[in-house]
Amino acid sequence: MPFIKIAKRAELPEEGKVREFRSGSRMFCIACVGGQYSALDNTCLHLGGPLGQGVIKKGKIVCPWHGWEFDARTGQLGKDPANKVATYMVKIEGDDVWIEILNLKFEN
């Protein structure tokens, strides 16, 4: 399974926070909830707001544009669990943070 290096451990968000990361032309957000890191697409399903600039509220990432809420671990939309943003497995090795990508194309 392919992984891409997304950040250094020191760059990861603190507990209860979310942060944006770029890899090539793609943006991802990483959240820390309950001591666990999760990675999701950074784009809100509503109008494309930057989830990585939002806040964490009761385990959900709240989009800063219009308040849509996504489960930080599953990417499910709070109002409609059938809709979700893509999620990616996070792996930390030493000081490097990697996310698993499947079938994603990147442009530099």
N, C-alpha and C. Protein backbone atom coordinates (compact mmCIF):
# COMPACT_ATOMS: atom_id res chain seq x y z
N MET A 1 0.83 -1.18 0.00
CA MET A 1 0.00 0.00 0.00
C MET A 1 0.87 1.24 0.00
N PRO A 2 0.60 2.18 -0.87
CA PRO A 2 1.46 3.36 -0.96
C PRO A 2 1.18 4.38 0.14
N PHE A 3 2.25 4.89 0.67
CA PHE A 3 2.17 5.95 1.67
C PHE A 3 2.92 7.17 1.15
N ILE A 4 2.48 8.36 1.55
CA ILE A 4 3.21 9.58 1.23
C ILE A 4 3.57 10.27 2.54
N LYS A 5 4.75 10.86 2.56
CA LYS A 5 5.16 11.63 3.74
C LYS A 5 4.42 12.96 3.70
N ILE A 6 3.74 13.27 4.79
CA ILE A 6 2.90 14.45 4.83
C ILE A 6 3.42 15.53 5.78
N ALA A 7 4.19 15.11 6.82
CA ALA A 7 4.62 16.09 7.83
C ALA A 7 5.70 15.49 8.71
N LYS A 8 6.19 16.32 9.59
CA LYS A 8 7.07 15.90 10.69
C LYS A 8 6.20 15.78 11.94
N ARG A 9 6.58 14.90 12.83
CA ARG A 9 5.82 14.69 14.07
C ARG A 9 5.58 16.01 14.81
N ALA A 10 6.58 16.87 14.87
CA ALA A 10 6.46 18.13 15.60
C ALA A 10 5.41 19.07 14.99
N GLU A 11 5.03 18.84 13.73
CA GLU A 11 4.04 19.69 13.06
C GLU A 11 2.60 19.25 13.31
N LEU A 12 2.41 18.06 13.87
CA LEU A 12 1.07 17.54 14.08
C LEU A 12 0.28 18.40 15.06
N PRO A 13 -1.04 18.45 14.88
CA PRO A 13 -1.87 19.25 15.80
C PRO A 13 -1.92 18.63 17.19
N GLU A 14 -2.16 19.48 18.18
CA GLU A 14 -2.31 19.04 19.56
C GLU A 14 -3.67 18.37 19.71
N GLU A 15 -3.88 17.72 20.84
CA GLU A 15 -5.17 17.10 21.15
C GLU A 15 -6.31 18.11 20.96
N GLY A 16 -7.35 17.65 20.27
CA GLY A 16 -8.53 18.49 20.06
C GLY A 16 -8.36 19.57 19.01
N LYS A 17 -7.33 19.44 18.18
CA LYS A 17 -7.06 20.44 17.13
C LYS A 17 -6.97 19.76 15.78
N VAL A 18 -7.03 20.56 14.73
CA VAL A 18 -6.92 20.09 13.36
C VAL A 18 -5.98 21.03 12.61
N ARG A 19 -5.32 20.52 11.58
CA ARG A 19 -4.35 21.33 10.83
C ARG A 19 -4.30 20.86 9.38
N GLU A 20 -3.99 21.80 8.48
CA GLU A 20 -3.87 21.51 7.05
C GLU A 20 -2.44 21.11 6.68
N PHE A 21 -2.35 20.21 5.68
CA PHE A 21 -1.06 19.81 5.12
C PHE A 21 -1.22 19.65 3.62
N ARG A 22 -0.17 20.01 2.89
CA ARG A 22 -0.18 19.90 1.43
C ARG A 22 0.80 18.82 0.99
N SER A 23 0.40 18.10 -0.05
CA SER A 23 1.30 17.17 -0.73
C SER A 23 1.02 17.34 -2.22
N GLY A 24 1.98 17.86 -2.94
CA GLY A 24 1.77 18.17 -4.35
C GLY A 24 0.65 19.17 -4.49
N SER A 25 -0.36 18.85 -5.28
CA SER A 25 -1.49 19.75 -5.47
C SER A 25 -2.65 19.44 -4.52
N ARG A 26 -2.51 18.44 -3.67
CA ARG A 26 -3.59 18.01 -2.77
C ARG A 26 -3.43 18.58 -1.38
N MET A 27 -4.57 18.91 -0.75
CA MET A 27 -4.58 19.36 0.63
C MET A 27 -5.29 18.31 1.48
N PHE A 28 -4.72 18.06 2.65
CA PHE A 28 -5.27 17.12 3.60
C PHE A 28 -5.41 17.82 4.95
N CYS A 29 -6.25 17.30 5.80
CA CYS A 29 -6.27 17.79 7.18
C CYS A 29 -6.00 16.60 8.09
N ILE A 30 -5.29 16.90 9.15
CA ILE A 30 -5.01 15.90 10.17
C ILE A 30 -5.59 16.42 11.48
N ALA A 31 -6.34 15.55 12.15
CA ALA A 31 -6.97 15.89 13.42
C ALA A 31 -6.42 14.99 14.51
N CYS A 32 -6.45 15.49 15.73
CA CYS A 32 -6.05 14.69 16.88
C CYS A 32 -7.23 14.65 17.85
N VAL A 33 -7.84 13.47 17.99
CA VAL A 33 -8.98 13.28 18.87
C VAL A 33 -8.72 12.04 19.72
N GLY A 34 -8.79 12.21 21.02
CA GLY A 34 -8.57 11.07 21.93
C GLY A 34 -7.17 10.50 21.82
N GLY A 35 -6.19 11.34 21.48
CA GLY A 35 -4.81 10.89 21.35
C GLY A 35 -4.51 10.16 20.06
N GLN A 36 -5.49 10.05 19.17
CA GLN A 36 -5.31 9.38 17.89
C GLN A 36 -5.35 10.40 16.75
N TYR A 37 -4.47 10.20 15.79
CA TYR A 37 -4.45 11.07 14.61
C TYR A 37 -5.26 10.46 13.48
N SER A 38 -5.97 11.30 12.77
CA SER A 38 -6.69 10.85 11.59
C SER A 38 -6.46 11.87 10.48
N ALA A 39 -6.46 11.38 9.25
CA ALA A 39 -6.25 12.24 8.09
C ALA A 39 -7.48 12.15 7.19
N LEU A 40 -7.89 13.29 6.67
CA LEU A 40 -9.06 13.38 5.81
C LEU A 40 -8.76 14.33 4.66
N ASP A 41 -9.59 14.24 3.61
CA ASP A 41 -9.54 15.28 2.58
C ASP A 41 -9.83 16.60 3.28
N ASN A 42 -9.23 17.66 2.80
CA ASN A 42 -9.36 18.96 3.44
C ASN A 42 -10.57 19.75 2.95
N THR A 43 -11.35 19.20 2.03
CA THR A 43 -12.41 19.96 1.39
C THR A 43 -13.80 19.55 1.90
N CYS A 44 -14.51 20.51 2.47
CA CYS A 44 -15.87 20.29 2.94
C CYS A 44 -16.78 19.95 1.76
N LEU A 45 -17.72 19.05 1.98
CA LEU A 45 -18.65 18.63 0.94
C LEU A 45 -19.66 19.72 0.58
N HIS A 46 -19.84 20.69 1.45
CA HIS A 46 -20.85 21.73 1.23
C HIS A 46 -20.41 22.69 0.13
N LEU A 47 -19.48 23.57 0.44
CA LEU A 47 -18.99 24.55 -0.55
C LEU A 47 -17.48 24.58 -0.64
N GLY A 48 -16.84 23.48 -0.23
CA GLY A 48 -15.40 23.37 -0.39
C GLY A 48 -14.56 24.07 0.66
N GLY A 49 -15.14 24.35 1.81
CA GLY A 49 -14.38 25.00 2.88
C GLY A 49 -13.20 24.16 3.33
N PRO A 50 -12.17 24.81 3.89
CA PRO A 50 -10.95 24.13 4.33
C PRO A 50 -11.11 23.51 5.72
N LEU A 51 -11.38 22.22 5.78
CA LEU A 51 -11.61 21.56 7.06
C LEU A 51 -10.45 21.71 8.02
N GLY A 52 -9.22 21.74 7.49
CA GLY A 52 -8.04 21.86 8.33
C GLY A 52 -7.89 23.21 9.00
N GLN A 53 -8.76 24.15 8.66
CA GLN A 53 -8.78 25.45 9.33
C GLN A 53 -9.93 25.54 10.33
N GLY A 54 -10.64 24.42 10.49
CA GLY A 54 -11.79 24.39 11.40
C GLY A 54 -11.38 24.09 12.83
N VAL A 55 -12.35 23.66 13.60
CA VAL A 55 -12.13 23.31 15.00
C VAL A 55 -12.70 21.91 15.25
N ILE A 56 -12.31 21.33 16.38
CA ILE A 56 -12.85 20.04 16.80
C ILE A 56 -13.89 20.31 17.88
N LYS A 57 -15.06 19.71 17.70
CA LYS A 57 -16.14 19.86 18.68
C LYS A 57 -16.77 18.48 18.89
N LYS A 58 -16.61 17.92 20.08
CA LYS A 58 -17.15 16.60 20.40
C LYS A 58 -16.76 15.54 19.38
N GLY A 59 -15.48 15.52 19.00
CA GLY A 59 -14.96 14.52 18.09
C GLY A 59 -15.26 14.76 16.62
N LYS A 60 -15.83 15.91 16.31
CA LYS A 60 -16.16 16.24 14.93
C LYS A 60 -15.36 17.46 14.47
N ILE A 61 -14.95 17.43 13.20
CA ILE A 61 -14.30 18.59 12.61
C ILE A 61 -15.40 19.50 12.10
N VAL A 62 -15.38 20.75 12.55
CA VAL A 62 -16.39 21.72 12.15
C VAL A 62 -15.79 22.63 11.09
N CYS A 63 -16.41 22.64 9.91
CA CYS A 63 -15.93 23.48 8.82
C CYS A 63 -16.03 24.95 9.22
N PRO A 64 -14.97 25.73 8.98
CA PRO A 64 -14.99 27.13 9.39
C PRO A 64 -15.93 28.02 8.54
N TRP A 65 -16.35 27.54 7.40
CA TRP A 65 -17.20 28.38 6.53
C TRP A 65 -18.66 28.36 6.94
N HIS A 66 -19.25 27.18 7.11
CA HIS A 66 -20.69 27.11 7.37
C HIS A 66 -21.07 26.12 8.46
N GLY A 67 -20.08 25.62 9.19
CA GLY A 67 -20.36 24.80 10.36
C GLY A 67 -20.74 23.35 10.12
N TRP A 68 -20.56 22.86 8.90
CA TRP A 68 -20.85 21.44 8.67
C TRP A 68 -19.87 20.61 9.50
N GLU A 69 -20.34 19.51 10.08
CA GLU A 69 -19.53 18.70 10.98
C GLU A 69 -19.26 17.32 10.40
N PHE A 70 -17.99 16.90 10.49
CA PHE A 70 -17.56 15.60 9.99
C PHE A 70 -16.87 14.83 11.10
N ASP A 71 -17.21 13.56 11.24
CA ASP A 71 -16.54 12.72 12.23
C ASP A 71 -15.05 12.68 11.91
N ALA A 72 -14.22 13.01 12.88
CA ALA A 72 -12.78 13.11 12.64
C ALA A 72 -12.15 11.76 12.28
N ARG A 73 -12.75 10.66 12.67
CA ARG A 73 -12.16 9.35 12.39
C ARG A 73 -12.71 8.72 11.11
N THR A 74 -14.02 8.89 10.87
CA THR A 74 -14.64 8.20 9.73
C THR A 74 -14.89 9.12 8.54
N GLY A 75 -14.86 10.43 8.76
CA GLY A 75 -15.16 11.38 7.70
C GLY A 75 -16.64 11.56 7.44
N GLN A 76 -17.51 10.87 8.19
CA GLN A 76 -18.94 10.95 7.95
C GLN A 76 -19.50 12.31 8.31
N LEU A 77 -20.40 12.78 7.46
CA LEU A 77 -21.10 14.03 7.69
C LEU A 77 -22.10 13.81 8.82
N GLY A 78 -22.05 14.67 9.83
CA GLY A 78 -22.92 14.50 10.99
C GLY A 78 -24.39 14.46 10.66
N LYS A 79 -24.84 15.31 9.74
CA LYS A 79 -26.26 15.37 9.38
C LYS A 79 -26.68 14.23 8.47
N ASP A 80 -25.73 13.64 7.77
CA ASP A 80 -26.05 12.63 6.77
C ASP A 80 -24.91 11.63 6.67
N PRO A 81 -24.92 10.61 7.54
CA PRO A 81 -23.81 9.65 7.58
C PRO A 81 -23.53 8.92 6.27
N ALA A 82 -24.47 8.96 5.32
CA ALA A 82 -24.23 8.32 4.02
C ALA A 82 -23.21 9.10 3.20
N ASN A 83 -23.02 10.37 3.54
CA ASN A 83 -22.03 11.20 2.85
C ASN A 83 -20.81 11.36 3.75
N LYS A 84 -19.64 11.35 3.12
CA LYS A 84 -18.42 11.49 3.90
C LYS A 84 -17.28 12.00 3.03
N VAL A 85 -16.28 12.58 3.70
CA VAL A 85 -15.04 12.94 3.02
C VAL A 85 -14.10 11.74 3.15
N ALA A 86 -13.19 11.62 2.22
CA ALA A 86 -12.25 10.49 2.23
C ALA A 86 -11.34 10.58 3.45
N THR A 87 -11.02 9.41 4.00
CA THR A 87 -10.10 9.32 5.13
C THR A 87 -8.89 8.49 4.72
N TYR A 88 -7.79 8.68 5.44
CA TYR A 88 -6.54 8.02 5.12
C TYR A 88 -5.88 7.55 6.41
N MET A 89 -5.29 6.35 6.37
CA MET A 89 -4.59 5.82 7.53
C MET A 89 -3.33 6.66 7.78
N VAL A 90 -3.07 6.95 9.05
CA VAL A 90 -1.88 7.71 9.45
C VAL A 90 -0.87 6.75 10.06
N LYS A 91 0.38 6.91 9.66
CA LYS A 91 1.47 6.08 10.20
C LYS A 91 2.60 7.03 10.61
N ILE A 92 3.11 6.86 11.82
CA ILE A 92 4.22 7.68 12.31
C ILE A 92 5.42 6.77 12.49
N GLU A 93 6.51 7.13 11.81
CA GLU A 93 7.77 6.39 11.92
C GLU A 93 8.86 7.38 12.28
N GLY A 94 9.39 7.25 13.49
CA GLY A 94 10.40 8.21 13.94
C GLY A 94 9.79 9.60 13.98
N ASP A 95 10.41 10.55 13.25
CA ASP A 95 9.90 11.91 13.20
C ASP A 95 9.01 12.17 11.98
N ASP A 96 8.79 11.17 11.15
CA ASP A 96 8.02 11.35 9.92
C ASP A 96 6.58 10.86 10.06
N VAL A 97 5.67 11.61 9.45
CA VAL A 97 4.26 11.26 9.44
C VAL A 97 3.87 10.93 8.02
N TRP A 98 3.26 9.77 7.83
CA TRP A 98 2.88 9.28 6.52
C TRP A 98 1.38 9.05 6.50
N ILE A 99 0.76 9.21 5.32
CA ILE A 99 -0.63 8.81 5.15
C ILE A 99 -0.73 7.85 3.98
N GLU A 100 -1.63 6.91 4.12
CA GLU A 100 -1.83 5.91 3.08
C GLU A 100 -2.74 6.49 2.00
N ILE A 101 -2.30 6.38 0.79
CA ILE A 101 -3.11 6.86 -0.33
C ILE A 101 -3.39 5.70 -1.27
N LEU A 102 -4.59 5.62 -1.72
CA LEU A 102 -4.98 4.60 -2.68
C LEU A 102 -5.70 5.29 -3.83
N ASN A 103 -5.24 5.02 -5.02
CA ASN A 103 -5.91 5.53 -6.23
C ASN A 103 -6.00 7.06 -6.29
N LEU A 104 -5.05 7.76 -5.71
CA LEU A 104 -5.04 9.21 -5.81
C LEU A 104 -3.97 9.63 -6.79
N LYS A 105 -4.27 10.62 -7.60
CA LYS A 105 -3.28 11.17 -8.52
C LYS A 105 -2.83 12.51 -7.98
N PHE A 106 -1.54 12.73 -8.03
CA PHE A 106 -0.95 13.95 -7.54
C PHE A 106 -0.30 14.71 -8.68
N GLU A 107 -0.46 16.02 -8.63
CA GLU A 107 0.25 16.90 -9.57
C GLU A 107 1.19 17.75 -8.76
N ASN A 108 2.40 17.90 -9.24
CA ASN A 108 3.36 18.74 -8.50
C ASN A 108 3.29 20.16 -8.96
